[in-house]
C-alpha atoms as a PDB file:
ATOM      1  CA  MET A   1    -113.287   2.269 190.433  1.00  0.00           C
ATOM      2  CA  ARG A   2    -113.852   5.771 191.415  1.00  0.00           C
ATOM      3  CA  THR A   3    -117.060   7.677 190.938  1.00  0.00           C
ATOM      4  CA  SER A   4    -115.472  10.051 188.445  1.00  0.00           C
ATOM      5  CA  ASP A   5    -114.223   7.096 186.358  1.00  0.00           C
ATOM      6  CA  ARG A   6    -117.712   5.577 186.401  1.00  0.00           C
ATOM      7  CA  SER A   7    -119.383   8.814 185.336  1.00  0.00           C
ATOM      8  CA  ALA A   8    -116.762   9.233 182.557  1.00  0.00           C
ATOM      9  CA  ASP A   9    -117.437   5.657 181.396  1.00  0.00           C
ATOM     10  CA  ASN A  10    -121.163   6.282 181.649  1.00  0.00           C
ATOM     11  CA  LEU A  11    -120.841   9.512 179.652  1.00  0.00           C
ATOM     12  CA  TRP A  12    -118.630   7.779 177.110  1.00  0.00           C
ATOM     13  CA  GLY A  13    -121.241   4.969 176.793  1.00  0.00           C
ATOM     14  CA  GLN A  14    -124.008   7.494 176.245  1.00  0.00           C
ATOM     15  CA  ILE A  15    -121.951   9.256 173.557  1.00  0.00           C
ATOM     16  CA  LYS A  16    -121.326   5.905 171.814  1.00  0.00           C
ATOM     17  CA  GLN A  17    -125.043   5.097 171.961  1.00  0.00           C
ATOM     18  CA  VAL A  18    -125.966   8.486 170.480  1.00  0.00           C
ATOM     19  CA  LEU A  19    -123.394   8.060 167.701  1.00  0.00           C
ATOM     20  CA  ARG A  20    -124.676   4.534 166.892  1.00  0.00           C
ATOM     21  CA  GLU A  21    -128.235   5.816 166.608  1.00  0.00           C
ATOM     22  CA  PHE A  22    -127.067   8.739 164.504  1.00  0.00           C
ATOM     23  CA  PHE A  23    -125.234   6.479 162.053  1.00  0.00           C
ATOM     24  CA  ARG A  24    -128.145   4.018 161.857  1.00  0.00           C
ATOM     25  CA  GLY A  25    -130.456   6.937 161.063  1.00  0.00           C
ATOM     26  CA  SER A  26    -127.968   8.235 158.503  1.00  0.00           C
ATOM     27  CA  GLN A  27    -127.816   4.842 156.817  1.00  0.00           C
ATOM     28  CA  LYS A  28    -131.603   4.734 156.598  1.00  0.00           C
ATOM     29  CA  THR A  29    -131.668   8.272 155.195  1.00  0.00           C
ATOM     30  CA  VAL A  30    -128.976   7.513 152.611  1.00  0.00           C
ATOM     31  CA  SER A  31    -130.733   4.292 151.665  1.00  0.00           C
ATOM     32  CA  SER A  32    -134.049   6.126 151.365  1.00  0.00           C
ATOM     33  CA  LEU A  33    -132.417   8.833 149.213  1.00  0.00           C
ATOM     34  CA  ALA A  34    -130.887   6.189 146.942  1.00  0.00           C
ATOM     35  CA  GLU A  35    -134.306   4.555 146.507  1.00  0.00           C
ATOM     36  CA  THR A  36    -135.854   7.956 145.771  1.00  0.00           C
ATOM     37  CA  PHE A  37    -133.195   8.741 143.154  1.00  0.00           C
ATOM     38  CA  ASP A  38    -133.647   5.301 141.550  1.00  0.00           C
ATOM     39  CA  ARG A  39    -137.411   5.803 141.465  1.00  0.00           C
ATOM     40  CA  GLN A  40    -137.055   9.305 139.957  1.00  0.00           C
ATOM     41  CA  ALA A  41    -134.554   8.029 137.366  1.00  0.00           C
ATOM     42  CA  GLY A  42    -137.046   5.333 136.375  1.00  0.00           C
ATOM     43  CA  ILE A  43    -139.825   7.899 136.093  1.00  0.00           C
ATOM     44  CA  GLN A  44    -137.637  10.193 133.974  1.00  0.00           C
ATOM     45  CA  LYS A  45    -136.720   7.299 131.672  1.00  0.00           C
ATOM     46  CA  LEU A  46    -140.413   6.447 131.202  1.00  0.00           C
ATOM     47  CA  ALA A  47    -141.317  10.117 130.703  1.00  0.00           C
ATOM     48  CA  ALA A  48    -138.630  10.420 128.012  1.00  0.00           C
ATOM     49  CA  ARG A  49    -140.092   7.372 126.261  1.00  0.00           C
ATOM     50  CA  ILE A  50    -143.573   8.961 126.437  1.00  0.00           C
ATOM     51  CA  ARG A  51    -142.229  12.175 124.862  1.00  0.00           C
ATOM     52  CA  LEU A  52    -140.582  10.178 122.064  1.00  0.00           C
ATOM     53  CA  LEU A  53    -143.793   8.236 121.407  1.00  0.00           C
ATOM     54  CA  ARG A  54    -145.835  11.459 121.365  1.00  0.00           C
ATOM     55  CA  ARG A  55    -143.457  12.977 118.800  1.00  0.00           C
ATOM     56  CA  GLN A  56    -143.755   9.814 116.699  1.00  0.00           C
ATOM     57  CA  ARG A  57    -147.558   9.913 116.989  1.00  0.00           C
ATOM     58  CA  HIS A  58    -147.562  13.583 115.952  1.00  0.00           C
ATOM     59  CA  GLN A  59    -145.399  12.831 112.897  1.00  0.00           C
ATOM     60  CA  PHE A  60    -147.637   9.889 111.998  1.00  0.00           C
ATOM     61  CA  LEU A  61    -150.745  12.082 112.240  1.00  0.00           C
ATOM     62  CA  LEU A  62    -149.118  14.687 109.990  1.00  0.00           C
ATOM     63  CA  THR A  63    -148.234  11.994 107.479  1.00  0.00           C
ATOM     64  CA  MET A  64    -151.779  10.606 107.609  1.00  0.00           C
ATOM     65  CA  GLY A  65    -153.176  14.084 107.034  1.00  0.00           C
ATOM     66  CA  LYS A  66    -150.904  14.633 104.043  1.00  0.00           C
ATOM     67  CA  LYS A  67    -151.939  11.273 102.620  1.00  0.00           C
ATOM     68  CA  ALA A  68    -155.628  12.043 103.175  1.00  0.00           C
ATOM     69  CA  TYR A  69    -155.258  15.403 101.429  1.00  0.00           C
ATOM     70  CA  SER A  70    -153.329  13.787  98.599  1.00  0.00           C
ATOM     71  CA  LEU A  71    -156.182  11.300  98.178  1.00  0.00           C
ATOM     72  CA  HIS A  72    -158.600  14.258  98.197  1.00  0.00           C
ATOM     73  CA  THR A  73    -156.737  15.918  95.331  1.00  0.00           C
ATOM     74  CA  ARG A  74    -157.446  12.750  93.313  1.00  0.00           C
ATOM     75  CA  GLY A  75    -161.112  12.660  94.346  1.00  0.00           C
ATOM     76  CA  LYS A  76    -160.780   9.557  96.522  1.00  0.00           C
ATOM     77  CA  VAL A  77    -161.999  10.893  99.887  1.00  0.00           C
ATOM     78  CA  ARG A  78    -165.594   9.951 100.709  1.00  0.00           C
ATOM     79  CA  ASN A  79    -165.745  10.499 104.470  1.00  0.00           C
ATOM     80  CA  ARG A  80    -167.717  13.710 105.115  1.00  0.00           C
ATOM     81  CA  ASP A  81    -165.586  14.870 108.065  1.00  0.00           C
ATOM     82  CA  ILE A  82    -162.295  14.380 106.266  1.00  0.00           C
ATOM     83  CA  LEU A  83    -163.728  15.809 103.063  1.00  0.00           C
ATOM     84  CA  ALA A  84    -164.883  18.932 104.955  1.00  0.00           C
ATOM     85  CA  ASP A  85    -161.369  19.432 106.334  1.00  0.00           C
ATOM     86  CA  CYS A  86    -159.850  18.941 102.872  1.00  0.00           C
ATOM     87  CA  LEU A  87    -162.291  21.452 101.371  1.00  0.00           C
ATOM     88  CA  HIS A  88    -161.315  23.933 104.091  1.00  0.00           C
ATOM     89  CA  ILE A  89    -157.664  23.458 103.115  1.00  0.00           C
ATOM     90  CA  ASP A  90    -158.681  24.083  99.487  1.00  0.00           C
ATOM     91  CA  GLU A  91    -160.371  27.342 100.562  1.00  0.00           C
ATOM     92  CA  ILE A  92    -157.212  28.420 102.396  1.00  0.00           C
ATOM     93  CA  GLU A  93    -155.105  27.584  99.334  1.00  0.00           C
ATOM     94  CA  ALA A  94    -157.477  29.583  97.101  1.00  0.00           C
ATOM     95  CA  GLU A  95    -157.189  32.581  99.439  1.00  0.00           C
ATOM     96  CA  ILE A  96    -153.378  32.275  99.382  1.00  0.00           C
ATOM     97  CA  GLN A  97    -153.475  32.260  95.566  1.00  0.00           C
ATOM     98  CA  GLN A  98    -155.759  35.314  95.577  1.00  0.00           C
ATOM     99  CA  LEU A  99    -153.470  37.219  97.956  1.00  0.00           C
ATOM    100  CA  GLN A 100    -150.412  36.316  95.890  1.00  0.00           C
ATOM    101  CA  ALA A 101    -152.174  37.613  92.773  1.00  0.00           C
ATOM    102  CA  GLN A 102    -152.886  40.890  94.614  1.00  0.00           C
ATOM    103  CA  ILE A 103    -149.205  41.152  95.556  1.00  0.00           C
ATOM    104  CA  GLU A 104    -148.187  40.585  91.936  1.00  0.00           C
ATOM    105  CA  GLU A 105    -150.669  43.245  90.780  1.00  0.00           C
ATOM    106  CA  ILE A 106    -149.282  45.754  93.288  1.00  0.00           C
ATOM    107  CA  ARG A 107    -145.734  44.943  92.141  1.00  0.00           C
ATOM    108  CA  ARG A 108    -146.734  45.266  88.496  1.00  0.00           C
ATOM    109  CA  GLN A 109    -148.369  48.648  89.108  1.00  0.00           C
ATOM    110  CA  ALA A 110    -145.327  49.846  91.050  1.00  0.00           C
ATOM    111  CA  GLY A 111    -142.952  48.535  88.398  1.00  0.00           C
ATOM    112  CA  VAL A 112    -141.048  46.428  90.924  1.00  0.00           C
ATOM    113  CA  SER A 113    -138.839  43.827  89.326  1.00  0.00           C
ATOM    114  CA  PRO A 114    -139.710  40.264  90.376  1.00  0.00           C
ATOM    115  CA  ASP A 115    -136.015  39.763  91.197  1.00  0.00           C
ATOM    116  CA  LEU A 116    -136.201  42.498  93.859  1.00  0.00           C
ATOM    117  CA  ALA A 117    -139.569  41.454  95.281  1.00  0.00           C
ATOM    118  CA  LEU A 118    -140.133  39.162  98.212  1.00  0.00           C
ATOM    119  CA  ASP A 119    -140.433  35.631  96.881  1.00  0.00           C
ATOM    120  CA  MET A 120    -143.614  34.109  98.268  1.00  0.00           C
ATOM    121  CA  GLU A 121    -143.470  31.072  95.991  1.00  0.00           C
ATOM    122  CA  ASN A 122    -140.837  29.272  98.082  1.00  0.00           C
ATOM    123  CA  GLU A 123    -143.276  28.388 100.826  1.00  0.00           C
ATOM    124  CA  THR A 124    -143.896  24.668 101.037  1.00  0.00           C
ATOM    125  CA  PRO A 125    -147.535  23.613 100.958  1.00  0.00           C
ATOM    126  CA  VAL A 126    -148.844  21.073 103.456  1.00  0.00           C
ATOM    127  CA  ALA A 127    -149.265  18.469 100.734  1.00  0.00           C
ATOM    128  CA  GLU A 128    -147.890  18.635  97.252  1.00  0.00           C
ATOM    129  CA  HIS A 129    -150.233  18.118  94.319  1.00  0.00           C
ATOM    130  CA  GLU A 130    -148.527  15.174  92.699  1.00  0.00           C
ATOM    131  CA  GLU A 131    -149.207  12.572  90.111  1.00  0.00           C
ATOM    132  CA  PRO A 132    -150.173   9.260  91.694  1.00  0.00           C
ATOM    133  CA  SER A 133    -147.273   6.885  92.076  1.00  0.00           C
ATOM    134  CA  GLU A 134    -147.725   3.197  91.361  1.00  0.00           C
ATOM    135  CA  ASP A 135    -148.111   2.260  95.021  1.00  0.00           C
ATOM    136  CA  VAL A 136    -150.504   5.143  95.808  1.00  0.00           C
ATOM    137  CA  ALA A 137    -152.490   4.850  92.584  1.00  0.00           C
ATOM    138  CA  SER A 138    -153.271   1.222  93.297  1.00  0.00           C
ATOM    139  CA  VAL A 139    -154.609   1.999  96.767  1.00  0.00           C
ATOM    140  CA  THR A 140    -158.335   2.558  97.040  1.00  0.00           C
ATOM    141  CA  VAL A 141    -159.231   3.168 100.638  1.00  0.00           C
ATOM    142  CA  GLU A 142    -162.728   3.459 101.963  1.00  0.00           C
ATOM    143  CA  ALA A 143    -162.610   6.279 104.522  1.00  0.00           C
ATOM    144  CA  LYS A 144    -165.145   4.511 106.719  1.00  0.00           C
ATOM    145  CA  SER A 145    -162.916   1.446 107.099  1.00  0.00           C
ATOM    146  CA  VAL A 146    -159.966   3.729 107.885  1.00  0.00           C
ATOM    147  CA  ASP A 147    -162.083   5.450 110.546  1.00  0.00           C
ATOM    148  CA  GLU A 148    -162.992   2.067 112.014  1.00  0.00           C
ATOM    149  CA  GLN A 149    -159.327   1.041 112.085  1.00  0.00           C
ATOM    150  CA  VAL A 150    -158.331   4.287 113.818  1.00  0.00           C
ATOM    151  CA  VAL A 151    -161.102   3.855 116.402  1.00  0.00           C
ATOM    152  CA  ALA A 152    -160.100   0.218 116.978  1.00  0.00           C
ATOM    153  CA  GLN A 153    -156.460   1.214 117.495  1.00  0.00           C
ATOM    154  CA  ALA A 154    -157.479   3.994 119.866  1.00  0.00           C
ATOM    155  CA  GLU A 155    -159.673   1.585 121.833  1.00  0.00           C
ATOM    156  CA  GLU A 156    -156.761  -0.848 122.110  1.00  0.00           C
ATOM    157  CA  GLN A 157    -154.538   1.883 123.488  1.00  0.00           C
ATOM    158  CA  THR A 158    -156.974   3.753 125.724  1.00  0.00           C
ATOM    159  CA  GLY A 159    -160.078   1.659 126.179  1.00  0.00           C
ATOM    160  CA  PRO A 160    -163.541   2.002 124.589  1.00  0.00           C
ATOM    161  CA  ALA A 161    -164.914   4.396 127.219  1.00  0.00           C
ATOM    162  CA  GLU A 162    -162.235   7.018 126.533  1.00  0.00           C
ATOM    163  CA  VAL A 163    -162.714   6.740 122.751  1.00  0.00           C
ATOM    164  CA  GLU A 164    -166.481   7.211 123.148  1.00  0.00           C
ATOM    165  CA  GLN A 165    -165.785  10.268 125.293  1.00  0.00           C
ATOM    166  CA  ILE A 166    -163.405  11.711 122.671  1.00  0.00           C
ATOM    167  CA  GLU A 167    -165.864  10.972 119.826  1.00  0.00           C
ATOM    168  CA  GLY A 168    -168.594  12.725 121.815  1.00  0.00           C
ATOM    169  CA  GLU A 169    -166.427  15.838 122.147  1.00  0.00           C
ATOM    170  CA  SER A 170    -165.833  16.201 118.404  1.00  0.00           C
END
């Protein structure tokens, strides 16, 4: 074989070697990207579940608050913290009633027909004042035991140290 044939073969061998290494590196990169995408998809799926659970928790807390206020309207709340919050809601409601009375007085003095006035009565209160239903009327809940249940559930989910920290902040 001639020298030029050997150098061409040698060059061709080097090119093949470079291409093999390139494709091996590409395979590793593609494989690594696939793993990264799978990992990110898993994280996104878990994050979506967390968002759903947080929305459910928020709705549950709203429902609990409405129930607590409904119990307050029937004089069944004994826990001082919850009672203080319910009394604050009562103060807000009283102020709303006072402001609505002022609006009605201004309308009356101006001779504005109620049909033409802005209807403020259509606003939905946080909790309706309702007559106790059979299932609610039969429930007598000690607020302290409810507090203990809430703390126990929180400890199960987060651990006692975090609950103590949260209780210390409030």
